[in-house]
C-alpha atoms as a PDB file:
ATOM      1  CA  MET A   1     160.948  94.451  44.870  1.00  0.00           C
ATOM      2  CA  ALA A   2     159.238  93.291  48.206  1.00  0.00           C
ATOM      3  CA  ARG A   3     156.789  90.436  48.583  1.00  0.00           C
ATOM      4  CA  ILE A   4     153.392  92.243  50.294  1.00  0.00           C
ATOM      5  CA  LEU A   5     151.052  90.895  52.338  1.00  0.00           C
ATOM      6  CA  VAL A   6     147.554  93.375  51.906  1.00  0.00           C
ATOM      7  CA  VAL A   7     145.100  92.079  54.452  1.00  0.00           C
ATOM      8  CA  ASP A   8     141.375  93.942  53.969  1.00  0.00           C
ATOM      9  CA  ASP A   9     137.882  92.370  53.517  1.00  0.00           C
ATOM     10  CA  SER A  10     137.254  95.307  51.173  1.00  0.00           C
ATOM     11  CA  PRO A  11     137.433  94.307  47.690  1.00  0.00           C
ATOM     12  CA  THR A  12     137.531  97.537  46.153  1.00  0.00           C
ATOM     13  CA  LEU A  13     140.126  99.016  48.998  1.00  0.00           C
ATOM     14  CA  LEU A  14     142.350  95.879  48.405  1.00  0.00           C
ATOM     15  CA  ALA A  15     142.169  96.348  44.770  1.00  0.00           C
ATOM     16  CA  GLY A  16     143.296  99.546  45.018  1.00  0.00           C
ATOM     17  CA  THR A  17     146.047  98.953  47.550  1.00  0.00           C
ATOM     18  CA  THR A  18     147.103  96.458  45.611  1.00  0.00           C
ATOM     19  CA  LYS A  19     147.275  98.408  42.242  1.00  0.00           C
ATOM     20  CA  ILE A  20     149.950 100.846  44.498  1.00  0.00           C
ATOM     21  CA  LEU A  21     151.902  98.524  45.450  1.00  0.00           C
ATOM     22  CA  LEU A  22     152.101  96.627  42.003  1.00  0.00           C
ATOM     23  CA  SER A  23     152.950 100.206  40.146  1.00  0.00           C
ATOM     24  CA  ALA A  24     156.338 100.463  42.383  1.00  0.00           C
ATOM     25  CA  GLY A  25     157.103  96.704  41.504  1.00  0.00           C
ATOM     26  CA  HIS A  26     156.432  94.833  44.606  1.00  0.00           C
ATOM     27  CA  GLU A  27     154.618  91.394  44.818  1.00  0.00           C
ATOM     28  CA  VAL A  28     150.985  91.442  46.533  1.00  0.00           C
ATOM     29  CA  ILE A  29     149.871  88.517  48.222  1.00  0.00           C
ATOM     30  CA  PRO A  30     146.390  89.342  49.132  1.00  0.00           C
ATOM     31  CA  ALA A  31     144.081  88.244  51.943  1.00  0.00           C
ATOM     32  CA  VAL A  32     140.604  88.874  52.924  1.00  0.00           C
ATOM     33  CA  SER A  33     140.741  88.397  57.131  1.00  0.00           C
ATOM     34  CA  GLY A  34     142.510  88.531  59.872  1.00  0.00           C
ATOM     35  CA  GLU A  35     142.757  84.662  60.201  1.00  0.00           C
ATOM     36  CA  GLU A  36     143.947  84.607  56.140  1.00  0.00           C
ATOM     37  CA  GLY A  37     146.432  87.274  57.483  1.00  0.00           C
ATOM     38  CA  ILE A  38     148.195  85.348  60.323  1.00  0.00           C
ATOM     39  CA  ALA A  39     148.121  82.066  58.229  1.00  0.00           C
ATOM     40  CA  LYS A  40     149.348  83.811  54.555  1.00  0.00           C
ATOM     41  CA  SER A  41     152.193  85.497  57.391  1.00  0.00           C
ATOM     42  CA  ILE A  42     153.493  82.074  57.753  1.00  0.00           C
ATOM     43  CA  ILE A  43     153.473  80.084  54.725  1.00  0.00           C
ATOM     44  CA  GLU A  44     154.401  83.195  52.620  1.00  0.00           C
ATOM     45  CA  LYS A  45     157.086  85.296  55.026  1.00  0.00           C
ATOM     46  CA  PRO A  46     156.427  88.355  53.196  1.00  0.00           C
ATOM     47  CA  ASP A  47     158.752  90.815  53.618  1.00  0.00           C
ATOM     48  CA  LEU A  48     156.079  93.285  54.672  1.00  0.00           C
ATOM     49  CA  ILE A  49     152.265  93.004  55.643  1.00  0.00           C
ATOM     50  CA  VAL A  50     149.976  95.980  55.301  1.00  0.00           C
ATOM     51  CA  MET A  51     147.205  95.155  57.697  1.00  0.00           C
ATOM     52  CA  ASP A  52     143.350  96.631  57.751  1.00  0.00           C
ATOM     53  CA  VAL A  53     142.073  97.165  61.397  1.00  0.00           C
ATOM     54  CA  VAL A  54     138.086  96.532  60.899  1.00  0.00           C
ATOM     55  CA  MET A  55     137.206  92.633  59.749  1.00  0.00           C
ATOM     56  CA  PRO A  56     134.843  90.510  60.840  1.00  0.00           C
ATOM     57  CA  GLY A  57     136.541  87.523  63.103  1.00  0.00           C
ATOM     58  CA  ILE A  58     139.973  88.670  64.126  1.00  0.00           C
ATOM     59  CA  SER A  59     140.479  92.391  63.749  1.00  0.00           C
ATOM     60  CA  GLY A  60     143.466  93.548  62.245  1.00  0.00           C
ATOM     61  CA  PHE A  61     144.618  94.968  66.202  1.00  0.00           C
ATOM     62  CA  GLN A  62     144.609  90.792  67.005  1.00  0.00           C
ATOM     63  CA  ALA A  63     146.100  89.391  63.792  1.00  0.00           C
ATOM     64  CA  THR A  64     149.010  92.113  64.263  1.00  0.00           C
ATOM     65  CA  ARG A  65     149.108  91.385  67.680  1.00  0.00           C
ATOM     66  CA  THR A  66     149.587  87.099  66.795  1.00  0.00           C
ATOM     67  CA  ILE A  67     151.798  87.935  63.719  1.00  0.00           C
ATOM     68  CA  THR A  68     154.344  90.381  65.774  1.00  0.00           C
ATOM     69  CA  THR A  69     154.367  87.945  68.832  1.00  0.00           C
ATOM     70  CA  ASN A  70     155.195  84.444  66.794  1.00  0.00           C
ATOM     71  CA  PRO A  71     158.749  83.553  66.771  1.00  0.00           C
ATOM     72  CA  GLU A  72     158.135  82.593  62.698  1.00  0.00           C
ATOM     73  CA  THR A  73     156.681  86.178  61.798  1.00  0.00           C
ATOM     74  CA  LYS A  74     157.992  88.363  64.313  1.00  0.00           C
ATOM     75  CA  HIS A  75     160.484  89.765  62.257  1.00  0.00           C
ATOM     76  CA  ILE A  76     158.005  91.244  59.217  1.00  0.00           C
ATOM     77  CA  PRO A  77     157.443  94.554  59.679  1.00  0.00           C
ATOM     78  CA  VAL A  78     153.144  95.628  59.839  1.00  0.00           C
ATOM     79  CA  ILE A  79     151.485  98.836  58.821  1.00  0.00           C
ATOM     80  CA  MET A  80     148.090  99.453  59.716  1.00  0.00           C
ATOM     81  CA  LEU A  81     145.775 100.678  56.416  1.00  0.00           C
ATOM     82  CA  THR A  82     142.339 101.948  58.322  1.00  0.00           C
ATOM     83  CA  THR A  83     139.633 104.494  58.136  1.00  0.00           C
ATOM     84  CA  LYS A  84     140.245 104.417  62.023  1.00  0.00           C
ATOM     85  CA  ASP A  85     142.173 108.252  62.124  1.00  0.00           C
ATOM     86  CA  GLN A  86     142.200 108.871  66.430  1.00  0.00           C
ATOM     87  CA  GLU A  87     145.585 109.449  68.125  1.00  0.00           C
ATOM     88  CA  THR A  88     144.218 106.436  70.436  1.00  0.00           C
ATOM     89  CA  ASP A  89     144.049 104.131  67.426  1.00  0.00           C
ATOM     90  CA  LYS A  90     147.579 104.562  66.306  1.00  0.00           C
ATOM     91  CA  VAL A  91     148.879 104.797  69.889  1.00  0.00           C
ATOM     92  CA  TRP A  92     147.258 101.047  70.255  1.00  0.00           C
ATOM     93  CA  ALA A  93     148.104  99.858  66.491  1.00  0.00           C
ATOM     94  CA  LYS A  94     151.891 100.583  67.989  1.00  0.00           C
ATOM     95  CA  ARG A  95     151.445  98.516  71.378  1.00  0.00           C
ATOM     96  CA  GLN A  96     150.297  95.569  69.206  1.00  0.00           C
ATOM     97  CA  GLY A  97     153.051  95.385  67.407  1.00  0.00           C
ATOM     98  CA  ALA A  98     152.869  97.760  64.256  1.00  0.00           C
ATOM     99  CA  LYS A  99     155.308  99.526  62.863  1.00  0.00           C
ATOM    100  CA  ASP A 100     153.455 102.409  60.929  1.00  0.00           C
ATOM    101  CA  TYR A 101     149.838 103.602  60.455  1.00  0.00           C
ATOM    102  CA  VAL A 102     148.281 104.930  57.192  1.00  0.00           C
ATOM    103  CA  VAL A 103     144.770 106.405  57.015  1.00  0.00           C
ATOM    104  CA  LYS A 104     142.469 105.094  54.040  1.00  0.00           C
ATOM    105  CA  PRO A 105     142.363 105.878  51.534  1.00  0.00           C
ATOM    106  CA  PRO A 106     146.170 105.747  51.279  1.00  0.00           C
ATOM    107  CA  GLU A 107     147.725 108.153  49.182  1.00  0.00           C
ATOM    108  CA  SER A 108     150.219 106.301  47.040  1.00  0.00           C
ATOM    109  CA  LYS A 109     153.618 108.339  47.582  1.00  0.00           C
ATOM    110  CA  ASP A 110     152.996 108.306  51.385  1.00  0.00           C
ATOM    111  CA  LEU A 111     152.081 104.121  51.637  1.00  0.00           C
ATOM    112  CA  LEU A 112     155.315 103.713  49.332  1.00  0.00           C
ATOM    113  CA  SER A 113     157.724 106.011  51.257  1.00  0.00           C
ATOM    114  CA  LYS A 114     156.538 104.369  54.679  1.00  0.00           C
ATOM    115  CA  ILE A 115     156.914 100.951  52.975  1.00  0.00           C
ATOM    116  CA  ASP A 116     160.253 101.808  51.995  1.00  0.00           C
ATOM    117  CA  ALA A 117     161.284 103.431  54.861  1.00  0.00           C
ATOM    118  CA  LEU A 118     160.425  99.865  56.677  1.00  0.00           C
ATOM    119  CA  LEU A 119     162.717  97.676  53.901  1.00  0.00           C
ATOM    120  CA  GLY A 120     165.313 100.129  54.068  1.00  0.00           C
END
């Protein structure tokens, strides 16, 4: 299965997302900040990134823009996973380079189907 970088500053939501991904056979690389997510995307070269938006320091939007414009990491698809459910947030996420968008808390079937579609 895939190596997936999960970036979320909430230990509860990071654990929940990790559980969903592990149950589907994926390997999870955790990160607790946008900065750590950027660094791990370069070092680990994951197959996909699941990115929270609201985090202290660099937001998920900023981290996604950095990852999707870096020649070393721009090929890695990013799914935003956030409580922000407005259409403007979804549009902004796509403008930052995100390939998809899931509202928290994720339904495992929904998150896994989006991951499968991107890793196809």
